[in-house]
Amino acid sequence: MPLMKELGQMEYEEREAAWEEAEKSKHTARCKREEIKIQAWESQHRAKLEAEMRRIEAKVEQMRAQAEAKMVKKIAMAKHRSEEKRAATEARKNRDAERTSAQAEYIRNFECHHPITCAADGCD
């Protein structure tokens, strides 16, 4: 009878060990499934954030290009205005030079044709 009892005890221990191993396998498999789900979520979340980052970068690039175009336009306008100012300055200089020449010519003619000045200077 003790042999039967030992056989029963051994069978019980074997079944217990098998059950324990099965439970460990179940837990391991569950953890692996959860890890796969977590990795999938992480991958999906990362892809979503990377797509958002690309959209933001594209928007920033578009804003930069618009700002650059605006600055180029402002520079062109400034250059155009400075050319207009140079032209106005040149025109004013030419007008002043003509006016000065005309006044000098008037003074020369006035002095030579005015009897009082010509008599004193001896223009005759």
C-alpha atoms as a PDB file:
ATOM      1  CA  MET A   1       0.000   0.000   0.000  1.00  0.00           C
ATOM      2  CA  PRO A   2       2.767   2.518   0.651  1.00  0.00           C
ATOM      3  CA  LEU A   3       3.914   1.944  -2.894  1.00  0.00           C
ATOM      4  CA  MET A   4       0.490   2.905  -4.153  1.00  0.00           C
ATOM      5  CA  LYS A   5       0.533   5.923  -1.974  1.00  0.00           C
ATOM      6  CA  GLU A   6       3.938   6.929  -3.309  1.00  0.00           C
ATOM      7  CA  LEU A   7       2.774   6.363  -6.872  1.00  0.00           C
ATOM      8  CA  GLY A   8      -0.283   8.493  -6.206  1.00  0.00           C
ATOM      9  CA  GLN A   9       1.871  11.144  -4.609  1.00  0.00           C
ATOM     10  CA  MET A  10       4.280  11.122  -7.570  1.00  0.00           C
ATOM     11  CA  GLU A  11       1.404  11.297 -10.031  1.00  0.00           C
ATOM     12  CA  TYR A  12      -0.049  14.168  -8.040  1.00  0.00           C
ATOM     13  CA  GLU A  13       3.298  16.008  -8.033  1.00  0.00           C
ATOM     14  CA  GLU A  14       3.712  15.430 -11.775  1.00  0.00           C
ATOM     15  CA  ARG A  15       0.223  16.776 -12.448  1.00  0.00           C
ATOM     16  CA  GLU A  16       0.944  19.713 -10.129  1.00  0.00           C
ATOM     17  CA  ALA A  17       4.202  20.445 -11.951  1.00  0.00           C
ATOM     18  CA  ALA A  18       2.459  20.128 -15.342  1.00  0.00           C
ATOM     19  CA  TRP A  19      -0.330  22.428 -14.196  1.00  0.00           C
ATOM     20  CA  GLU A  20       2.213  24.931 -12.862  1.00  0.00           C
ATOM     21  CA  GLU A  21       4.112  24.794 -16.150  1.00  0.00           C
ATOM     22  CA  ALA A  22       0.872  25.258 -18.116  1.00  0.00           C
ATOM     23  CA  GLU A  23      -0.080  28.255 -15.979  1.00  0.00           C
ATOM     24  CA  LYS A  24       3.366  29.793 -16.446  1.00  0.00           C
ATOM     25  CA  SER A  25       3.061  29.235 -20.199  1.00  0.00           C
ATOM     26  CA  LYS A  26      -0.395  30.863 -20.189  1.00  0.00           C
ATOM     27  CA  HIS A  27       0.936  33.884 -18.287  1.00  0.00           C
ATOM     28  CA  THR A  28       3.948  34.114 -20.566  1.00  0.00           C
ATOM     29  CA  ALA A  29       1.735  33.911 -23.654  1.00  0.00           C
ATOM     30  CA  ARG A  30      -0.612  36.570 -22.232  1.00  0.00           C
ATOM     31  CA  CYS A  31       2.359  38.849 -21.495  1.00  0.00           C
ATOM     32  CA  LYS A  32       3.662  38.327 -25.033  1.00  0.00           C
ATOM     33  CA  ARG A  33       0.240  39.193 -26.495  1.00  0.00           C
ATOM     34  CA  GLU A  34       0.058  42.295 -24.329  1.00  0.00           C
ATOM     35  CA  GLU A  35       3.588  43.262 -25.336  1.00  0.00           C
ATOM     36  CA  ILE A  36       2.626  42.877 -29.006  1.00  0.00           C
ATOM     37  CA  LYS A  37      -0.444  45.071 -28.436  1.00  0.00           C
ATOM     38  CA  ILE A  38       1.708  47.654 -26.635  1.00  0.00           C
ATOM     39  CA  GLN A  39       4.264  47.634 -29.446  1.00  0.00           C
ATOM     40  CA  ALA A  40       1.502  48.015 -32.043  1.00  0.00           C
ATOM     41  CA  TRP A  41      -0.015  50.924 -30.081  1.00  0.00           C
ATOM     42  CA  GLU A  42       3.405  52.516 -29.685  1.00  0.00           C
ATOM     43  CA  SER A  43       4.152  52.086 -33.384  1.00  0.00           C
ATOM     44  CA  GLN A  44       0.787  53.533 -34.382  1.00  0.00           C
ATOM     45  CA  HIS A  45       1.145  56.419 -31.944  1.00  0.00           C
ATOM     46  CA  ARG A  46       4.692  57.132 -33.148  1.00  0.00           C
ATOM     47  CA  ALA A  47       3.537  57.073 -36.799  1.00  0.00           C
ATOM     48  CA  LYS A  48       0.707  59.474 -35.971  1.00  0.00           C
ATOM     49  CA  LEU A  49       3.068  61.859 -34.186  1.00  0.00           C
ATOM     50  CA  GLU A  50       5.650  61.653 -36.965  1.00  0.00           C
ATOM     51  CA  ALA A  51       2.934  62.482 -39.515  1.00  0.00           C
ATOM     52  CA  GLU A  52       1.889  65.441 -37.394  1.00  0.00           C
ATOM     53  CA  MET A  53       5.535  66.519 -37.167  1.00  0.00           C
ATOM     54  CA  ARG A  54       5.856  66.339 -40.969  1.00  0.00           C
ATOM     55  CA  ARG A  55       2.697  68.456 -41.343  1.00  0.00           C
ATOM     56  CA  ILE A  56       4.078  71.006 -38.890  1.00  0.00           C
ATOM     57  CA  GLU A  57       7.453  71.040 -40.656  1.00  0.00           C
ATOM     58  CA  ALA A  58       5.716  71.541 -44.007  1.00  0.00           C
ATOM     59  CA  LYS A  59       3.695  74.404 -42.535  1.00  0.00           C
ATOM     60  CA  VAL A  60       6.832  75.957 -41.051  1.00  0.00           C
ATOM     61  CA  GLU A  61       8.603  75.618 -44.401  1.00  0.00           C
ATOM     62  CA  GLN A  62       5.637  77.249 -46.141  1.00  0.00           C
ATOM     63  CA  MET A  63       5.635  80.080 -43.591  1.00  0.00           C
ATOM     64  CA  ARG A  64       9.396  80.516 -44.032  1.00  0.00           C
ATOM     65  CA  ALA A  65       9.026  80.648 -47.813  1.00  0.00           C
ATOM     66  CA  GLN A  66       6.219  83.200 -47.527  1.00  0.00           C
ATOM     67  CA  ALA A  67       8.262  85.323 -45.116  1.00  0.00           C
ATOM     68  CA  GLU A  68      11.266  85.102 -47.423  1.00  0.00           C
ATOM     69  CA  ALA A  69       9.145  86.132 -50.424  1.00  0.00           C
ATOM     70  CA  LYS A  70       7.745  89.028 -48.399  1.00  0.00           C
ATOM     71  CA  MET A  71      11.271  90.165 -47.468  1.00  0.00           C
ATOM     72  CA  VAL A  72      12.435  89.895 -51.091  1.00  0.00           C
ATOM     73  CA  LYS A  73       9.442  92.017 -52.129  1.00  0.00           C
ATOM     74  CA  LYS A  74      10.217  94.601 -49.426  1.00  0.00           C
ATOM     75  CA  ILE A  75      13.862  94.720 -50.527  1.00  0.00           C
ATOM     76  CA  ALA A  76      12.769  95.237 -54.137  1.00  0.00           C
ATOM     77  CA  MET A  77      10.390  97.998 -53.056  1.00  0.00           C
ATOM     78  CA  ALA A  78      13.139  99.663 -51.033  1.00  0.00           C
ATOM     79  CA  LYS A  79      15.493  99.469 -54.017  1.00  0.00           C
ATOM     80  CA  HIS A  80      12.818 100.940 -56.282  1.00  0.00           C
ATOM     81  CA  ARG A  81      12.110 103.780 -53.834  1.00  0.00           C
ATOM     82  CA  SER A  82      15.817 104.526 -53.455  1.00  0.00           C
ATOM     83  CA  GLU A  83      16.126 104.677 -57.261  1.00  0.00           C
ATOM     84  CA  GLU A  84      13.170 107.083 -57.337  1.00  0.00           C
ATOM     85  CA  LYS A  85      14.807 109.204 -54.642  1.00  0.00           C
ATOM     86  CA  ARG A  86      18.113 109.209 -56.551  1.00  0.00           C
ATOM     87  CA  ALA A  87      16.278 110.270 -59.716  1.00  0.00           C
ATOM     88  CA  ALA A  88      14.464 113.034 -57.831  1.00  0.00           C
ATOM     89  CA  THR A  89      17.748 114.202 -56.304  1.00  0.00           C
ATOM     90  CA  GLU A  90      19.441 114.179 -59.704  1.00  0.00           C
ATOM     91  CA  ALA A  91      16.522 116.117 -61.225  1.00  0.00           C
ATOM     92  CA  ARG A  92      16.672 118.652 -58.384  1.00  0.00           C
ATOM     93  CA  LYS A  93      20.442 119.019 -58.867  1.00  0.00           C
ATOM     94  CA  ASN A  94      19.957 119.584 -62.615  1.00  0.00           C
ATOM     95  CA  ARG A  95      17.147 122.109 -61.967  1.00  0.00           C
ATOM     96  CA  ASP A  96      19.295 123.953 -59.436  1.00  0.00           C
ATOM     97  CA  ALA A  97      22.239 123.930 -61.835  1.00  0.00           C
ATOM     98  CA  GLU A  98      20.053 125.320 -64.632  1.00  0.00           C
ATOM     99  CA  ARG A  99      18.630 127.943 -62.295  1.00  0.00           C
ATOM    100  CA  THR A 100      22.125 128.915 -61.153  1.00  0.00           C
ATOM    101  CA  SER A 101      23.337 129.116 -64.767  1.00  0.00           C
ATOM    102  CA  ALA A 102      20.319 131.194 -65.722  1.00  0.00           C
ATOM    103  CA  GLN A 103      20.894 133.541 -62.768  1.00  0.00           C
ATOM    104  CA  ALA A 104      24.587 133.858 -63.641  1.00  0.00           C
ATOM    105  CA  GLU A 105      23.706 134.581 -67.261  1.00  0.00           C
ATOM    106  CA  TYR A 106      21.132 137.133 -66.114  1.00  0.00           C
ATOM    107  CA  ILE A 107      23.696 138.798 -63.870  1.00  0.00           C
ATOM    108  CA  ARG A 108      26.271 138.898 -66.685  1.00  0.00           C
ATOM    109  CA  ASN A 109      23.722 140.349 -69.100  1.00  0.00           C
ATOM    110  CA  PHE A 110      22.368 142.738 -66.490  1.00  0.00           C
ATOM    111  CA  GLU A 111      25.785 144.138 -65.696  1.00  0.00           C
ATOM    112  CA  CYS A 112      26.741 144.644 -69.311  1.00  0.00           C
ATOM    113  CA  HIS A 113      23.447 146.345 -70.325  1.00  0.00           C
ATOM    114  CA  HIS A 114      22.807 148.416 -67.254  1.00  0.00           C
ATOM    115  CA  PRO A 115      24.149 151.920 -67.847  1.00  0.00           C
ATOM    116  CA  ILE A 116      25.102 152.712 -64.273  1.00  0.00           C
ATOM    117  CA  THR A 117      27.009 149.458 -63.733  1.00  0.00           C
ATOM    118  CA  CYS A 118      28.619 149.512 -67.138  1.00  0.00           C
ATOM    119  CA  ALA A 119      29.823 153.110 -66.692  1.00  0.00           C
ATOM    120  CA  ALA A 120      31.414 152.282 -63.400  1.00  0.00           C
ATOM    121  CA  ASP A 121      32.982 149.027 -64.624  1.00  0.00           C
ATOM    122  CA  GLY A 122      33.889 150.279 -68.045  1.00  0.00           C
ATOM    123  CA  CYS A 123      31.862 147.720 -70.029  1.00  0.00           C
ATOM    124  CA  ASP A 124      31.378 150.094 -72.951  1.00  0.00           C
END
